[in-house]
Structure formats: structure tokens, C-alpha cells
Amino acid sequence: MKKQQGRLAKVLTMLVIGTLTMLAFSSLALAQTAKEMQDAHKMMSDGWKQFNDGQRMVIKGVEMNNLAAVPLGFQDKMAPGNKVIEDGRNTATQGATLIAQGEKTYLDNIGTPSVAAQGLKMMVDGFKIAQNGKEMMKKGIAMNDQVAQAAGAKDKFAEGNQVIQTGMQTIEGGAKLFLQGEAIVLKK
């Protein structure tokens, strides 16, 4: 009987040790996941801020080009390109809205990793929409450049195009950072 109790005590001790070990590893895994989510959020948030700053620069350059076209009399020919740029801005704004909702979901639910992860995925989806908007804006800018070139006024767009180019570089830098965070989210 004593032998049986000794074995039972050993088995129970091993079960308790095993359970505690599993809990410890589980806690470590959760902590690692939380840290990865935090890192991903920071990269995506910082990347989005940079992307958005670049968008503002691009729009400023577009406005500069529109103003340069007025005294030369071909601003009405830029209407199709400006429409594509406006559609791109609207699309990017839709993406920004989803990114903001995702960020709020993440921040409000950090203590609930499954819900917080959904917020990060919303940010990823919103960024894809914003990227589509950026591509539309690029197309509209190219359309306007063709109009200026046909009017023999490409040089009048030099200053605005420099601002646009700087904005696009800023957007690309932000996109790169966002996508690094996105890669962490998508590997889960």
C-alpha cells in the first residue's frame, strides 16, 4: 500500500510539474505573440503615417501643377487626369478609414490577442485599398504630365513634379515599413 502511495505521489508530482511547465511555455508563447503583434502594429502605424505624409506632398505638387496650367490655358485638359487623381485620393481615404478602425480595434483589445489580431488584419486590408488609391493617383499624374508635354509646358511642372516625386518617395518608404509589419501579421 505504501509503495502504491509513493508511486501515486510521484505520478501526481510529475503531472503537476508537467502542467506547470506547459503553463510556463504557454505564457511564453503568448508573450512572444503579444510582442510580435506590438512590433507589427508599430511598423504598420509608423509606415502608414509616412505613407500619409507622402500623399499630402503629392497632392500639394498636383495643386502646384494645376496652378501652373492656369495662365497657360490648358487646365481644362487636365480634368480627366485630375478626376483619376481625385478617385485615387477617395480610394486611399477609404483605406485610411479601415486602417484607423483596425488600429482602434487593436489598441482597444490588446488584452485579447485574437481580437487585437483582427484589428491588425483590418489595417492590412485597409493598406491594400490605400495602395490601389496611390496607383490611381500615379496614373492621373502621368495623364496630366502628358497634357503639359503636349502643350509644350512640361518645364512649368518642374517644381510641382519635384514635390510629387518627393511625396512618392515618402509614400514608398512608408509602404516598405508598413509591409514589414504586415509580413509579421500574415505569418500568423
Protein backbone atom coordinates (compact mmCIF):
# COMPACT_ATOMS: atom_id res chain seq x y z
CA MET A 1 0.00 0.00 0.00
CA LYS A 2 2.83 2.38 0.90
CA LYS A 3 4.52 1.53 -2.39
CA GLN A 4 1.34 2.40 -4.27
CA GLN A 5 1.01 5.72 -2.43
CA GLY A 6 4.62 6.53 -3.23
CA ARG A 7 4.06 5.82 -6.92
CA LEU A 8 0.84 7.82 -6.88
CA ALA A 9 2.66 10.73 -5.24
CA LYS A 10 5.39 10.55 -7.88
CA VAL A 11 2.81 10.44 -10.70
CA LEU A 12 0.93 13.40 -9.21
CA THR A 13 4.17 15.32 -8.74
CA MET A 14 5.10 14.64 -12.36
CA LEU A 15 1.63 15.74 -13.50
CA VAL A 16 1.87 18.97 -11.51
CA ILE A 17 5.39 19.66 -12.83
CA GLY A 18 4.26 18.86 -16.37
CA THR A 19 1.21 21.12 -16.07
CA LEU A 20 3.28 23.98 -14.66
CA THR A 21 5.83 23.54 -17.42
CA MET A 22 3.10 23.63 -20.07
CA LEU A 23 1.61 26.75 -18.49
CA ALA A 24 5.02 28.42 -18.45
CA PHE A 25 5.61 27.59 -22.13
CA SER A 26 2.09 28.72 -22.94
CA SER A 27 2.70 32.04 -21.17
CA LEU A 28 6.00 32.47 -23.01
CA ALA A 29 4.29 31.76 -26.33
CA LEU A 30 1.56 34.28 -25.55
CA ALA A 31 4.13 36.87 -24.53
CA GLN A 32 6.08 36.25 -27.75
CA THR A 33 2.88 36.60 -29.80
CA ALA A 34 1.96 39.82 -27.99
CA LYS A 35 5.46 41.23 -28.64
CA GLU A 36 5.28 40.32 -32.33
CA MET A 37 1.84 41.93 -32.61
CA GLN A 38 3.14 45.04 -30.86
CA ASP A 39 6.13 45.22 -33.24
CA ALA A 40 3.89 44.69 -36.27
CA HIS A 41 1.50 47.40 -35.10
CA LYS A 42 4.31 49.90 -34.58
CA MET A 43 5.79 49.26 -38.03
CA MET A 44 2.40 49.46 -39.71
CA SER A 45 1.36 52.56 -37.78
CA ASP A 46 4.65 54.37 -38.46
CA GLY A 47 4.61 53.24 -42.08
CA TRP A 48 1.07 54.49 -42.55
CA LYS A 49 1.95 57.90 -41.07
CA GLN A 50 4.85 58.20 -43.52
CA PHE A 51 2.67 56.98 -46.41
CA ASN A 52 0.02 59.56 -45.50
CA ASP A 53 2.61 62.37 -45.26
CA GLY A 54 3.78 61.42 -48.75
CA GLN A 55 0.22 61.55 -50.05
CA ARG A 56 -0.14 65.09 -48.75
CA MET A 57 3.08 66.08 -50.55
CA VAL A 58 1.83 64.51 -53.78
CA ILE A 59 -1.45 66.43 -53.57
CA LYS A 60 0.45 69.65 -52.92
CA GLY A 61 2.54 69.02 -56.06
CA VAL A 62 -0.60 68.27 -58.09
CA GLU A 63 -2.11 71.56 -56.89
CA MET A 64 1.08 73.37 -57.88
CA ASN A 65 0.85 71.87 -61.37
CA ASN A 66 -2.82 72.80 -61.66
CA LEU A 67 -1.96 76.40 -60.77
CA ALA A 68 0.90 76.41 -63.30
CA ALA A 69 -1.53 75.28 -66.03
CA VAL A 70 -3.99 78.16 -65.46
CA PRO A 71 -2.01 81.03 -67.04
CA LEU A 72 -1.09 78.75 -69.94
CA GLY A 73 -4.75 77.95 -70.59
CA PHE A 74 -4.74 74.15 -70.59
CA GLN A 75 -6.07 73.40 -67.10
CA ASP A 76 -9.38 72.16 -68.58
CA LYS A 77 -7.45 69.48 -70.49
CA MET A 78 -6.18 68.21 -67.15
CA ALA A 79 -9.71 67.44 -65.95
CA PRO A 80 -9.54 63.69 -66.81
CA GLY A 81 -6.21 63.27 -65.01
CA ASN A 82 -7.47 65.29 -62.05
CA LYS A 83 -10.57 63.07 -61.90
CA VAL A 84 -8.38 59.95 -61.73
CA ILE A 85 -6.26 61.62 -59.02
CA GLU A 86 -9.42 62.52 -57.07
CA ASP A 87 -10.72 58.96 -57.39
CA GLY A 88 -7.36 57.72 -56.14
CA ARG A 89 -7.50 60.08 -53.16
CA ASN A 90 -11.02 58.87 -52.36
CA THR A 91 -9.88 55.25 -52.58
CA ALA A 92 -6.90 55.96 -50.34
CA THR A 93 -9.25 57.66 -47.87
CA GLN A 94 -11.40 54.51 -47.78
CA GLY A 95 -8.27 52.53 -46.98
CA ALA A 96 -7.29 55.06 -44.32
CA THR A 97 -10.69 54.66 -42.68
CA LEU A 98 -10.25 50.90 -42.46
CA ILE A 99 -6.69 51.33 -41.16
CA ALA A 100 -7.97 53.66 -38.42
CA GLN A 101 -10.73 51.20 -37.48
CA GLY A 102 -8.20 48.38 -37.37
CA GLU A 103 -5.81 50.38 -35.25
CA LYS A 104 -8.59 51.25 -32.79
CA THR A 105 -9.65 47.58 -32.64
CA TYR A 106 -6.04 46.58 -31.96
CA LEU A 107 -5.44 49.22 -29.28
CA ASP A 108 -8.78 48.62 -27.55
CA ASN A 109 -8.21 44.85 -27.41
CA ILE A 110 -4.52 44.37 -26.66
CA GLY A 111 -5.50 42.13 -23.75
CA THR A 112 -7.49 39.87 -26.09
CA PRO A 113 -4.94 38.71 -28.68
CA SER A 114 -7.45 37.12 -31.08
CA VAL A 115 -9.45 40.37 -31.36
CA ALA A 116 -6.29 42.50 -31.46
CA ALA A 117 -5.05 40.34 -34.34
CA GLN A 118 -8.28 41.05 -36.22
CA GLY A 119 -7.54 44.75 -35.85
CA LEU A 120 -4.09 44.26 -37.39
CA LYS A 121 -5.64 42.34 -40.28
CA MET A 122 -8.08 45.22 -40.83
CA MET A 123 -5.07 47.53 -41.08
CA VAL A 124 -3.54 45.20 -43.69
CA ASP A 125 -6.76 45.21 -45.72
CA GLY A 126 -7.03 48.99 -45.46
CA PHE A 127 -3.47 49.42 -46.66
CA LYS A 128 -4.17 47.34 -49.77
CA ILE A 129 -7.02 49.72 -50.59
CA ALA A 130 -4.79 52.75 -49.96
CA GLN A 131 -2.12 51.25 -52.24
CA ASN A 132 -4.73 50.94 -55.01
CA GLY A 133 -5.56 54.60 -54.48
CA LYS A 134 -1.89 55.52 -54.77
CA GLU A 135 -1.66 53.69 -58.10
CA MET A 136 -4.70 55.58 -59.38
CA MET A 137 -3.11 58.86 -58.33
CA LYS A 138 0.09 57.94 -60.19
CA LYS A 139 -1.95 57.24 -63.32
CA GLY A 140 -3.71 60.62 -63.09
CA ILE A 141 -0.40 62.42 -62.56
CA ALA A 142 1.02 60.74 -65.66
CA MET A 143 -2.07 61.82 -67.62
CA ASN A 144 -1.54 65.43 -66.52
CA ASP A 145 2.15 65.27 -67.42
CA GLN A 146 1.18 64.16 -70.93
CA VAL A 147 -1.16 67.14 -71.23
CA ALA A 148 1.63 69.51 -70.14
CA GLN A 149 4.06 67.89 -72.54
CA ALA A 150 1.58 68.18 -75.44
CA ALA A 151 1.14 71.87 -74.55
CA GLY A 152 4.92 72.35 -74.56
CA ALA A 153 4.82 73.31 -70.90
CA LYS A 154 6.47 70.34 -69.19
CA ASP A 155 9.09 72.67 -67.72
CA LYS A 156 6.30 74.64 -65.99
CA PHE A 157 5.53 71.48 -64.00
CA ALA A 158 9.14 71.04 -62.81
CA GLU A 159 8.60 72.44 -59.33
CA GLY A 160 5.29 70.64 -58.77
CA ASN A 161 6.71 67.41 -60.15
CA GLN A 162 9.66 67.65 -57.75
CA VAL A 163 7.22 67.86 -54.83
CA ILE A 164 5.25 64.94 -56.30
CA GLN A 165 8.42 62.88 -56.69
CA THR A 166 9.47 63.57 -53.09
CA GLY A 167 5.98 62.64 -51.96
CA MET A 168 6.06 59.38 -53.92
CA GLN A 169 9.43 58.51 -52.39
CA THR A 170 7.99 59.20 -48.95
CA ILE A 171 4.98 57.01 -49.78
CA GLU A 172 7.26 54.19 -50.91
CA GLY A 173 9.33 54.42 -47.73
CA GLY A 174 6.17 54.27 -45.65
CA ALA A 175 4.85 51.36 -47.71
CA LYS A 176 8.07 49.43 -47.17
CA LEU A 177 7.84 49.88 -43.40
CA PHE A 178 4.14 49.01 -43.37
CA LEU A 179 4.78 45.85 -45.38
CA GLN A 180 7.46 44.73 -42.90
CA GLY A 181 4.82 44.87 -40.17
CA GLU A 182 2.30 43.23 -42.47
CA ALA A 183 4.66 40.31 -43.02
CA ILE A 184 4.64 39.65 -39.28
CA VAL A 185 0.83 39.75 -39.19
CA LEU A 186 0.40 37.48 -42.19
CA LYS A 187 2.81 34.82 -40.93
CA LYS A 188 0.45 34.11 -38.02
